[in-house]
Amino acid sequence: MGSNVLVFAWNRSLPGRESLSAQHFQEFMEYLGTEKRSGRIENFEPVLLEPHGGTFNGFFLIRGEPQKLSELANSREWAQHIVRGLFHLDGSCTVRGMHGQAVMERMDLWIRSIPKS
């Protein structure tokens, strides 16, 4: 069982770097589209959250097979996008996670690990 989603998230564009963020957003969308067409990822979805006063305001949810997501996250192209984000995004981060059947498998593992009283 492994992570079958990869999340690239951010808080906001750094003041004065909004144009750079907009350009990179478009280029990252194109990059993920290429990765999808090549079969390296299953799908991706950009998500923007409504203003809520928090520090987590947008993310890309990238779905795929665990091994392929690991390959993606370890690629030079991925690293270039992540590093670029550091120059114009506040609070950027990447997180691995799960969805679908993998959630049920993890919850089953968690339930079985609860100490018995």
Protein backbone atom coordinates (compact mmCIF):
# COMPACT_ATOMS: atom_id res chain seq x y z
CA MET A 1 0.00 0.00 0.00
CA GLY A 2 1.40 3.37 -0.95
CA SER A 3 0.38 6.92 -1.55
CA ASN A 4 -1.74 7.27 -4.66
CA VAL A 5 -2.02 11.06 -4.66
CA LEU A 6 0.55 13.79 -4.67
CA VAL A 7 -0.45 17.30 -3.58
CA PHE A 8 1.40 20.48 -4.46
CA ALA A 9 -0.07 23.24 -2.29
CA TRP A 10 0.51 26.90 -1.52
CA ASN A 11 -0.81 29.79 0.50
CA ARG A 12 -0.55 32.74 -1.89
CA SER A 13 1.69 34.49 -4.37
CA LEU A 14 4.38 36.60 -2.79
CA PRO A 15 3.54 40.32 -3.12
CA GLY A 16 4.93 41.68 -6.37
CA ARG A 17 5.37 38.22 -7.89
CA GLU A 18 1.79 37.56 -8.92
CA SER A 19 2.60 37.66 -12.65
CA LEU A 20 5.34 35.11 -12.16
CA SER A 21 2.89 32.89 -10.27
CA ALA A 22 0.29 33.17 -13.03
CA GLN A 23 2.85 32.21 -15.67
CA HIS A 24 4.17 29.30 -13.64
CA PHE A 25 0.63 28.08 -12.91
CA GLN A 26 -0.02 27.82 -16.66
CA GLU A 27 3.31 26.10 -17.30
CA PHE A 28 2.71 23.64 -14.46
CA MET A 29 -0.72 22.82 -15.93
CA GLU A 30 0.95 22.11 -19.28
CA TYR A 31 3.60 19.97 -17.58
CA LEU A 32 0.97 17.89 -15.77
CA GLY A 33 -1.00 17.55 -19.01
CA THR A 34 2.09 16.08 -20.66
CA GLU A 35 2.59 13.72 -17.72
CA LYS A 36 -1.03 12.58 -18.02
CA ARG A 37 -0.79 11.99 -21.77
CA SER A 38 2.39 9.96 -21.25
CA GLY A 39 0.66 7.78 -18.63
CA ARG A 40 2.96 8.84 -15.82
CA ILE A 41 -0.03 10.17 -13.86
CA GLU A 42 -3.69 9.18 -14.06
CA ASN A 43 -5.17 12.62 -13.61
CA PHE A 44 -4.70 15.99 -11.95
CA GLU A 45 -6.99 18.69 -10.67
CA PRO A 46 -6.15 22.27 -9.69
CA VAL A 47 -8.16 23.49 -6.69
CA LEU A 48 -8.50 27.06 -5.45
CA LEU A 49 -10.10 27.54 -2.05
CA GLU A 50 -12.45 30.37 -1.18
CA PRO A 51 -10.85 33.06 1.02
CA HIS A 52 -11.00 31.81 4.61
CA GLY A 53 -8.13 33.46 6.48
CA GLY A 54 -6.05 30.29 6.49
CA THR A 55 -2.60 29.51 5.17
CA PHE A 56 -3.67 26.84 2.67
CA ASN A 57 -5.44 28.41 -0.29
CA GLY A 58 -4.78 26.28 -3.36
CA PHE A 59 -3.37 22.99 -4.52
CA PHE A 60 -2.95 20.54 -7.36
CA LEU A 61 -4.29 17.08 -6.59
CA ILE A 62 -2.36 14.60 -8.72
CA ARG A 63 -3.57 11.00 -8.90
CA GLY A 64 -1.59 7.99 -10.00
CA GLU A 65 -0.05 4.65 -9.17
CA PRO A 66 2.23 4.84 -6.12
CA GLN A 67 5.40 3.85 -8.00
CA LYS A 68 4.76 6.26 -10.84
CA LEU A 69 4.06 9.11 -8.42
CA SER A 70 7.35 8.35 -6.67
CA GLU A 71 9.14 8.50 -10.01
CA LEU A 72 7.42 11.80 -10.78
CA ALA A 73 8.32 13.29 -7.38
CA ASN A 74 11.94 12.22 -7.84
CA SER A 75 12.28 13.61 -11.37
CA ARG A 76 14.36 16.62 -12.28
CA GLU A 77 11.37 18.28 -13.99
CA TRP A 78 9.25 18.02 -10.83
CA ALA A 79 12.09 19.40 -8.72
CA GLN A 80 12.49 22.34 -11.12
CA HIS A 81 8.82 23.27 -10.72
CA ILE A 82 8.96 22.92 -6.93
CA VAL A 83 12.10 25.06 -6.70
CA ARG A 84 10.61 27.69 -9.03
CA GLY A 85 7.58 27.86 -6.75
CA LEU A 86 9.81 28.80 -3.82
CA PHE A 87 10.63 32.10 -5.55
CA HIS A 88 7.05 33.29 -5.95
CA LEU A 89 4.80 31.28 -3.62
CA ASP A 90 4.35 31.65 0.11
CA GLY A 91 3.88 28.37 1.96
CA SER A 92 4.42 26.02 -0.97
CA CYS A 93 4.73 22.34 -0.10
CA THR A 94 4.28 18.84 -1.43
CA VAL A 95 2.49 16.07 0.43
CA ARG A 96 1.76 12.47 -0.49
CA GLY A 97 -1.60 10.98 0.40
CA MET A 98 -4.27 8.54 -0.58
CA HIS A 99 -7.80 8.42 -1.93
CA GLY A 100 -10.32 5.82 -3.00
CA GLN A 101 -9.72 2.24 -1.90
CA ALA A 102 -6.36 3.20 -0.38
CA VAL A 103 -8.23 5.23 2.26
CA MET A 104 -10.22 2.17 3.30
CA GLU A 105 -7.05 0.06 3.46
CA ARG A 106 -5.35 2.68 5.66
CA MET A 107 -8.39 3.04 7.90
CA ASP A 108 -8.53 -0.74 8.31
CA LEU A 109 -4.87 -0.70 9.36
CA TRP A 110 -5.55 2.16 11.77
CA ILE A 111 -8.59 0.45 13.32
CA ARG A 112 -6.65 -2.79 13.79
CA SER A 113 -3.89 -0.82 15.54
CA ILE A 114 -6.17 0.74 18.19
CA PRO A 115 -5.13 -0.71 21.56
CA LYS A 116 -7.71 -2.98 23.09
CA SER A 117 -8.81 -1.89 26.57
